[in-house]
Amino acid sequence: MKKIFFKTVAQLNKLVLPRISKRNLNKLSKFEKAVVAFRYWVTVNSLD
């Protein structure tokens, strides 16, 4: 159940949240850093 939830959230992340991978991570705002952290957390949990 947990894995299915995180897989659906990961799909929503692809559609809704901006892609920040091409930018310099040192120059991001706090909000953008939070988005990157959230996407990372969801990705790690969906792969378990």
C-alpha atoms as a PDB file:
ATOM      1  CA  MET A   1       0.000   0.000   0.000  1.00  0.00           C
ATOM      2  CA  LYS A   2       2.812   2.414   0.911  1.00  0.00           C
ATOM      3  CA  LYS A   3       4.674   1.690  -2.312  1.00  0.00           C
ATOM      4  CA  ILE A   4       1.576   2.271  -4.443  1.00  0.00           C
ATOM      5  CA  PHE A   5       0.960   5.590  -2.697  1.00  0.00           C
ATOM      6  CA  PHE A   6       4.496   6.806  -3.317  1.00  0.00           C
ATOM      7  CA  LYS A   7       4.419   5.674  -6.954  1.00  0.00           C
ATOM      8  CA  THR A   8       1.279   7.731  -7.584  1.00  0.00           C
ATOM      9  CA  VAL A   9       2.777  10.742  -5.791  1.00  0.00           C
ATOM     10  CA  ALA A  10       5.915  10.353  -7.931  1.00  0.00           C
ATOM     11  CA  GLN A  11       3.774  10.430 -11.071  1.00  0.00           C
ATOM     12  CA  LEU A  12       2.034  13.582  -9.829  1.00  0.00           C
ATOM     13  CA  ASN A  13       5.437  15.136  -9.123  1.00  0.00           C
ATOM     14  CA  LYS A  14       6.416  14.603 -12.741  1.00  0.00           C
ATOM     15  CA  LEU A  15       3.311  16.404 -13.930  1.00  0.00           C
ATOM     16  CA  VAL A  16       2.971  19.214 -11.413  1.00  0.00           C
ATOM     17  CA  LEU A  17       6.303  20.159  -9.851  1.00  0.00           C
ATOM     18  CA  PRO A  18       9.004  21.995 -11.798  1.00  0.00           C
ATOM     19  CA  ARG A  19      12.188  20.283 -12.927  1.00  0.00           C
ATOM     20  CA  ILE A  20      15.181  21.753 -11.170  1.00  0.00           C
ATOM     21  CA  SER A  21      17.831  19.225 -12.192  1.00  0.00           C
ATOM     22  CA  LYS A  22      19.400  21.447 -14.852  1.00  0.00           C
ATOM     23  CA  ARG A  23      20.036  24.318 -12.429  1.00  0.00           C
ATOM     24  CA  ASN A  24      22.829  24.965  -9.967  1.00  0.00           C
ATOM     25  CA  LEU A  25      21.652  23.507  -6.651  1.00  0.00           C
ATOM     26  CA  ASN A  26      23.743  25.989  -4.636  1.00  0.00           C
ATOM     27  CA  LYS A  27      21.804  28.975  -5.986  1.00  0.00           C
ATOM     28  CA  LEU A  28      18.264  27.736  -5.299  1.00  0.00           C
ATOM     29  CA  SER A  29      15.809  29.513  -3.036  1.00  0.00           C
ATOM     30  CA  LYS A  30      14.571  27.814   0.118  1.00  0.00           C
ATOM     31  CA  PHE A  31      11.293  26.884  -1.569  1.00  0.00           C
ATOM     32  CA  GLU A  32      13.092  25.302  -4.511  1.00  0.00           C
ATOM     33  CA  LYS A  33      15.350  23.368  -2.131  1.00  0.00           C
ATOM     34  CA  ALA A  34      12.233  22.092  -0.356  1.00  0.00           C
ATOM     35  CA  VAL A  35      10.784  20.948  -3.696  1.00  0.00           C
ATOM     36  CA  VAL A  36      14.003  19.085  -4.503  1.00  0.00           C
ATOM     37  CA  ALA A  37      14.015  17.450  -1.059  1.00  0.00           C
ATOM     38  CA  PHE A  38      10.361  16.414  -1.389  1.00  0.00           C
ATOM     39  CA  ARG A  39      10.924  14.925  -4.838  1.00  0.00           C
ATOM     40  CA  TYR A  40      13.974  13.039  -3.547  1.00  0.00           C
ATOM     41  CA  TRP A  41      12.046  11.693  -0.527  1.00  0.00           C
ATOM     42  CA  VAL A  42       9.171  10.498  -2.714  1.00  0.00           C
ATOM     43  CA  THR A  43      11.531   8.893  -5.234  1.00  0.00           C
ATOM     44  CA  VAL A  44      13.467   7.004  -2.552  1.00  0.00           C
ATOM     45  CA  ASN A  45      10.284   5.710  -0.944  1.00  0.00           C
ATOM     46  CA  SER A  46       8.739   4.657  -4.239  1.00  0.00           C
ATOM     47  CA  LEU A  47      11.795   2.563  -5.117  1.00  0.00           C
ATOM     48  CA  ASP A  48      11.893   0.563  -1.865  1.00  0.00           C
END
